[in-house]
Amino acid sequence: MKQLTIYQIILLLLSAIINISCGTMSYLQTSVPEEGGVNFVKLTQDMDNVVGNKVYTMRSVITWWASPQIALSSDGTQIAYISEKNNTRNIMLKKTDKAGSSIQRTFRNNVMDLSWHPNGESIVFSESKNNRSSIYVIKAEEGSILQQLSNGPSDDFNPVYSLDGKLIYFSRKDTYGNSIWSYNTQNNLFTQYSLGYTPFPIKGEMCTLLCTRNSTNNRGEIWKINYETGVETLILSDNEKSFSTPQLSPDGKWILCMGSSLSNSYYQKKKQCG
């Protein structure tokens, strides 16, 4: 797999943006030519072996598997990213104000995704081991001691802190499908909320998350759910495209998500051609 630099992955993420400030949806194809006057700062090199997202095709459906693999600290001084070296995947930290070397924060085998604590004191991540994915927490600045939060027969992944840092939302996949859970950092309790995966908390709206759900034809859709009131709203859906991994802009007007660009007609033509 070709290694990607940080700014290349950010450009890939810009492939699917929707405006939710009004009732209509618009799909935007965004590109930034080098001569456009936008200055990018390259933070990583090829030798950093930054892990990029993969696209999977299953039952003639193209799907973005877009677990968060790069994250910016809340104060903007550091990035955390997953690096693949010596057949292992681990979390690395790098300062944003200088092109120094990265600091390795985990010494595991197969880290899948990551998320910062709101105050930057810790990083939560999932690791796949023995065909199972579990949730872990490590301090961001010192030590290599891990706290394992989940360890069961299901796959737990896509962890993200709540805005106050008291909860860790995550996705769980088991024999019943995908569902959204949380781990309470104060009393260690697990709670199930709703169907879906890739949860993302919404600033200013308590108990409200963006998430991905699969439609009846196995296309990814973007939903907004309030697990306290039970109100669930479909935000983005397309019969010929699949979307996943929603995130909300700081002003609350835009959703950034991953999306497939190939439609059913592509697969039908491909089948006819053998």
Foldseek 3Di string as FASTA:
>chain_A
DQFDFPVVQVLQLQQFKWFPPDDDTDGDGDDDDPVNPDDDDGQDDSVQQFDHWDWDADPNAIDTPHQAAWDAALVRQKIWGWHADPQAIFIWIDGPVDNDDIHTQEDDRAWDHWEAQNNRQKIKTWGADPNAIFIWMDGRPDDHDIDTLDDDPWHWGRWYADNNRQKIWIWIQDPVGIFIWIAGPPPRDIGTFGGFGQWEDDPPDPQKTWGWDADPVRAIFIKIARRVVGDIGTDDDDQFKHWGNWDADPVRGMIGIRMDDGGPVVSVVVVVVD
